[in-house]
């Protein structure tokens, strides 16, 4: 695996984990009962973004490490996971 391929793989894992983690623990203004005038009731009141970004980075790094291990240190190839015979 080349360095750019590893970087792209990490970014894909990171963004996928981010999109999964964003709605977790989200509390909206409507749920809290304090809607700021001019905003939607579905706007977040408490989002905890820094904590989520930290956890996303930790989880994405673990997933990325497993992927890199499988690609670099095992005999896993694209042909092994090709279900439809495209490659």
N, C-alpha and C. Protein backbone atom coordinates (compact mmCIF):
# COMPACT_ATOMS: atom_id res chain seq x y z
N UNK A 1 0.85 -1.17 0.00
CA UNK A 1 0.00 0.00 0.00
C UNK A 1 0.90 1.24 0.00
N UNK A 2 0.64 2.12 -0.92
CA UNK A 2 1.44 3.34 -1.00
C UNK A 2 0.96 4.35 0.05
N UNK A 3 1.76 5.37 0.29
CA UNK A 3 1.40 6.39 1.28
C UNK A 3 0.14 7.15 0.87
N UNK A 4 0.00 7.58 -0.39
CA UNK A 4 -1.27 8.23 -0.76
C UNK A 4 -2.48 7.31 -0.61
N UNK A 5 -2.32 6.03 -0.93
CA UNK A 5 -3.44 5.09 -0.76
C UNK A 5 -3.80 4.93 0.71
N UNK A 6 -2.79 4.90 1.57
CA UNK A 6 -3.05 4.80 3.01
C UNK A 6 -3.74 6.06 3.52
N UNK A 7 -3.33 7.22 3.02
CA UNK A 7 -3.95 8.48 3.44
C UNK A 7 -5.41 8.55 2.99
N UNK A 8 -5.67 8.16 1.76
CA UNK A 8 -7.04 8.17 1.25
C UNK A 8 -7.90 7.17 2.02
N UNK A 9 -7.36 6.01 2.34
CA UNK A 9 -8.09 5.02 3.11
C UNK A 9 -8.42 5.56 4.49
N UNK A 10 -7.47 6.24 5.12
CA UNK A 10 -7.73 6.82 6.44
C UNK A 10 -8.81 7.89 6.35
N UNK A 11 -8.74 8.75 5.35
CA UNK A 11 -9.76 9.80 5.22
C UNK A 11 -11.14 9.21 4.97
N UNK A 12 -11.21 8.17 4.18
CA UNK A 12 -12.51 7.52 3.95
C UNK A 12 -13.05 6.93 5.24
N UNK A 13 -12.21 6.26 6.00
CA UNK A 13 -12.64 5.70 7.29
C UNK A 13 -13.07 6.81 8.24
N UNK A 14 -12.30 7.90 8.27
CA UNK A 14 -12.58 8.99 9.20
C UNK A 14 -13.92 9.65 8.89
N UNK A 15 -14.16 9.98 7.62
CA UNK A 15 -15.42 10.63 7.26
C UNK A 15 -16.61 9.69 7.44
N UNK A 16 -16.44 8.41 7.15
CA UNK A 16 -17.53 7.46 7.36
C UNK A 16 -17.87 7.39 8.85
N UNK A 17 -16.86 7.31 9.70
CA UNK A 17 -17.10 7.30 11.14
C UNK A 17 -17.72 8.61 11.61
N UNK A 18 -17.30 9.73 11.03
CA UNK A 18 -17.87 11.02 11.40
C UNK A 18 -19.35 11.09 11.08
N UNK A 19 -19.73 10.65 9.90
CA UNK A 19 -21.14 10.71 9.52
C UNK A 19 -21.99 9.75 10.35
N UNK A 20 -21.40 8.67 10.82
CA UNK A 20 -22.12 7.77 11.70
C UNK A 20 -22.27 8.38 13.09
N UNK A 21 -21.23 9.08 13.56
CA UNK A 21 -21.21 9.59 14.93
C UNK A 21 -21.94 10.92 15.11
N UNK A 22 -22.14 11.68 14.06
CA UNK A 22 -22.75 13.00 14.23
C UNK A 22 -24.12 12.97 14.91
N UNK A 23 -25.03 12.10 14.55
CA UNK A 23 -26.33 12.15 15.22
C UNK A 23 -26.36 11.52 16.61
N UNK A 24 -25.29 10.85 17.03
CA UNK A 24 -25.29 10.18 18.32
C UNK A 24 -25.22 11.23 19.43
N UNK A 25 -26.15 11.15 20.35
CA UNK A 25 -26.16 12.06 21.50
C UNK A 25 -26.57 13.48 21.17
N UNK A 26 -27.11 13.71 20.02
CA UNK A 26 -27.52 15.05 19.62
C UNK A 26 -28.80 15.43 20.35
N UNK A 27 -28.81 16.61 20.92
CA UNK A 27 -30.00 17.12 21.60
C UNK A 27 -30.42 18.40 20.89
N UNK A 28 -31.64 18.40 20.38
CA UNK A 28 -32.11 19.55 19.61
C UNK A 28 -32.73 20.59 20.53
N UNK A 29 -32.90 21.79 19.98
CA UNK A 29 -33.52 22.86 20.75
C UNK A 29 -34.98 22.53 21.05
N UNK A 30 -35.64 21.85 20.13
CA UNK A 30 -37.03 21.45 20.34
C UNK A 30 -37.17 20.47 21.49
N UNK A 31 -36.22 19.53 21.61
CA UNK A 31 -36.25 18.58 22.71
C UNK A 31 -35.98 19.26 24.04
N UNK A 32 -35.11 20.26 24.02
CA UNK A 32 -34.77 20.97 25.25
C UNK A 32 -35.85 21.97 25.65
N UNK A 33 -36.71 22.36 24.70
CA UNK A 33 -37.77 23.31 24.99
C UNK A 33 -37.32 24.75 24.98
N UNK A 34 -36.13 25.01 24.42
CA UNK A 34 -35.61 26.38 24.34
C UNK A 34 -35.20 26.68 22.91
N UNK A 35 -36.15 27.07 22.10
CA UNK A 35 -35.88 27.37 20.70
C UNK A 35 -35.51 28.84 20.60
N UNK A 36 -34.30 29.10 20.08
CA UNK A 36 -33.82 30.46 19.89
C UNK A 36 -34.59 31.07 18.72
N UNK A 37 -35.11 32.28 18.88
CA UNK A 37 -35.85 32.90 17.77
C UNK A 37 -34.97 33.01 16.52
N UNK A 38 -35.55 32.63 15.39
CA UNK A 38 -34.83 32.69 14.13
C UNK A 38 -34.15 31.39 13.74
N UNK A 39 -34.22 30.39 14.62
CA UNK A 39 -33.62 29.09 14.30
C UNK A 39 -34.70 28.02 14.27
N UNK A 40 -34.36 26.90 13.68
CA UNK A 40 -35.29 25.78 13.59
C UNK A 40 -35.29 25.01 14.92
N UNK A 41 -36.40 24.39 15.20
CA UNK A 41 -36.48 23.59 16.43
C UNK A 41 -35.57 22.36 16.35
N UNK A 42 -35.19 21.97 15.15
CA UNK A 42 -34.31 20.81 15.00
C UNK A 42 -32.82 21.18 15.06
N UNK A 43 -32.53 22.46 15.28
CA UNK A 43 -31.14 22.88 15.41
C UNK A 43 -30.56 22.32 16.70
N UNK A 44 -29.29 21.90 16.67
CA UNK A 44 -28.73 21.29 17.88
C UNK A 44 -28.52 22.31 18.99
N UNK A 45 -28.83 21.89 20.20
CA UNK A 45 -28.52 22.71 21.36
C UNK A 45 -27.18 22.28 21.94
N UNK A 46 -27.02 20.99 22.11
CA UNK A 46 -25.77 20.43 22.61
C UNK A 46 -25.31 19.39 21.59
N UNK A 47 -24.15 19.62 21.00
CA UNK A 47 -23.68 18.68 19.99
C UNK A 47 -22.42 17.94 20.42
N UNK A 48 -21.60 18.49 21.30
CA UNK A 48 -20.40 17.81 21.77
C UNK A 48 -19.43 17.47 20.65
N UNK A 49 -19.18 18.44 19.78
CA UNK A 49 -18.40 18.17 18.57
C UNK A 49 -16.95 17.79 18.87
N UNK A 50 -16.31 18.44 19.81
CA UNK A 50 -14.90 18.11 20.10
C UNK A 50 -14.76 16.67 20.59
N UNK A 51 -15.65 16.26 21.47
CA UNK A 51 -15.60 14.90 21.98
C UNK A 51 -15.86 13.90 20.86
N UNK A 52 -16.80 14.22 19.99
CA UNK A 52 -17.10 13.33 18.87
C UNK A 52 -15.92 13.23 17.92
N UNK A 53 -15.27 14.35 17.64
CA UNK A 53 -14.12 14.33 16.73
C UNK A 53 -12.99 13.49 17.31
N UNK A 54 -12.79 13.56 18.61
CA UNK A 54 -11.76 12.74 19.25
C UNK A 54 -12.09 11.26 19.12
N UNK A 55 -13.34 10.88 19.43
CA UNK A 55 -13.74 9.48 19.32
C UNK A 55 -13.72 9.00 17.88
N UNK A 56 -14.13 9.85 16.95
CA UNK A 56 -14.10 9.48 15.53
C UNK A 56 -12.67 9.19 15.10
N UNK A 57 -11.73 10.01 15.54
CA UNK A 57 -10.33 9.80 15.18
C UNK A 57 -9.80 8.50 15.76
N UNK A 58 -10.15 8.20 17.00
CA UNK A 58 -9.69 6.95 17.63
C UNK A 58 -10.26 5.74 16.91
N UNK A 59 -11.57 5.75 16.67
CA UNK A 59 -12.21 4.60 16.01
C UNK A 59 -11.74 4.45 14.57
N UNK A 60 -11.62 5.57 13.85
CA UNK A 60 -11.16 5.51 12.46
C UNK A 60 -9.72 4.99 12.37
N UNK A 61 -8.89 5.37 13.33
CA UNK A 61 -7.52 4.88 13.34
C UNK A 61 -7.47 3.38 13.56
N UNK A 62 -8.33 2.88 14.45
CA UNK A 62 -8.37 1.43 14.69
C UNK A 62 -8.86 0.68 13.45
N UNK A 63 -9.90 1.17 12.82
CA UNK A 63 -10.41 0.53 11.60
C UNK A 63 -9.37 0.59 10.50
N UNK A 64 -8.73 1.74 10.35
CA UNK A 64 -7.69 1.91 9.33
C UNK A 64 -6.52 0.96 9.57
N UNK A 65 -6.14 0.79 10.83
CA UNK A 65 -5.02 -0.11 11.14
C UNK A 65 -5.35 -1.55 10.75
N UNK A 66 -6.59 -1.96 10.95
CA UNK A 66 -7.00 -3.31 10.55
C UNK A 66 -6.94 -3.45 9.03
N UNK A 67 -7.43 -2.45 8.33
CA UNK A 67 -7.41 -2.49 6.86
C UNK A 67 -5.97 -2.53 6.34
N UNK A 68 -5.11 -1.70 6.89
CA UNK A 68 -3.71 -1.68 6.46
C UNK A 68 -3.05 -3.02 6.75
N UNK A 69 -3.34 -3.58 7.92
CA UNK A 69 -2.77 -4.89 8.24
C UNK A 69 -3.21 -5.95 7.23
N UNK A 70 -4.50 -5.95 6.91
CA UNK A 70 -5.00 -6.94 5.97
C UNK A 70 -4.40 -6.78 4.58
N UNK A 71 -4.20 -5.54 4.16
CA UNK A 71 -3.66 -5.31 2.82
C UNK A 71 -2.16 -5.57 2.77
N UNK A 72 -1.43 -5.12 3.78
CA UNK A 72 0.03 -5.20 3.73
C UNK A 72 0.57 -6.56 4.19
N UNK A 73 0.03 -7.08 5.27
CA UNK A 73 0.64 -8.26 5.88
C UNK A 73 -0.08 -9.57 5.60
N UNK A 74 -1.17 -9.54 4.88
CA UNK A 74 -1.83 -10.79 4.52
C UNK A 74 -1.84 -10.90 3.01
N UNK A 75 -2.34 -12.01 2.54
CA UNK A 75 -2.37 -12.21 1.09
C UNK A 75 -3.70 -11.78 0.50
N UNK A 76 -4.40 -10.87 1.17
CA UNK A 76 -5.68 -10.37 0.69
C UNK A 76 -5.46 -9.50 -0.54
N UNK A 77 -6.18 -9.81 -1.60
CA UNK A 77 -6.09 -9.03 -2.83
C UNK A 77 -7.49 -8.59 -3.25
N UNK A 78 -7.55 -7.76 -4.27
CA UNK A 78 -8.84 -7.32 -4.79
C UNK A 78 -9.61 -8.49 -5.36
N UNK A 79 -8.93 -9.44 -5.93
CA UNK A 79 -9.58 -10.60 -6.50
C UNK A 79 -10.25 -11.46 -5.42
N UNK A 80 -9.73 -11.42 -4.20
CA UNK A 80 -10.33 -12.19 -3.11
C UNK A 80 -11.69 -11.63 -2.68
N UNK A 81 -11.88 -10.34 -2.81
CA UNK A 81 -13.13 -9.74 -2.36
C UNK A 81 -14.04 -9.35 -3.52
N UNK A 82 -13.66 -9.69 -4.73
CA UNK A 82 -14.45 -9.37 -5.91
C UNK A 82 -15.58 -10.38 -6.06
N UNK A 83 -16.80 -9.92 -5.76
CA UNK A 83 -17.96 -10.83 -5.78
C UNK A 83 -18.55 -11.00 -7.18
N UNK A 84 -18.41 -10.00 -8.02
CA UNK A 84 -19.09 -10.01 -9.31
C UNK A 84 -18.15 -10.26 -10.48
N UNK A 85 -16.90 -10.50 -10.22
CA UNK A 85 -15.95 -10.82 -11.28
C UNK A 85 -15.55 -9.65 -12.14
N UNK A 86 -15.55 -8.44 -11.57
CA UNK A 86 -15.17 -7.26 -12.34
C UNK A 86 -13.68 -7.13 -12.56
N UNK A 87 -12.89 -7.66 -11.64
CA UNK A 87 -11.44 -7.48 -11.75
C UNK A 87 -10.82 -8.76 -12.17
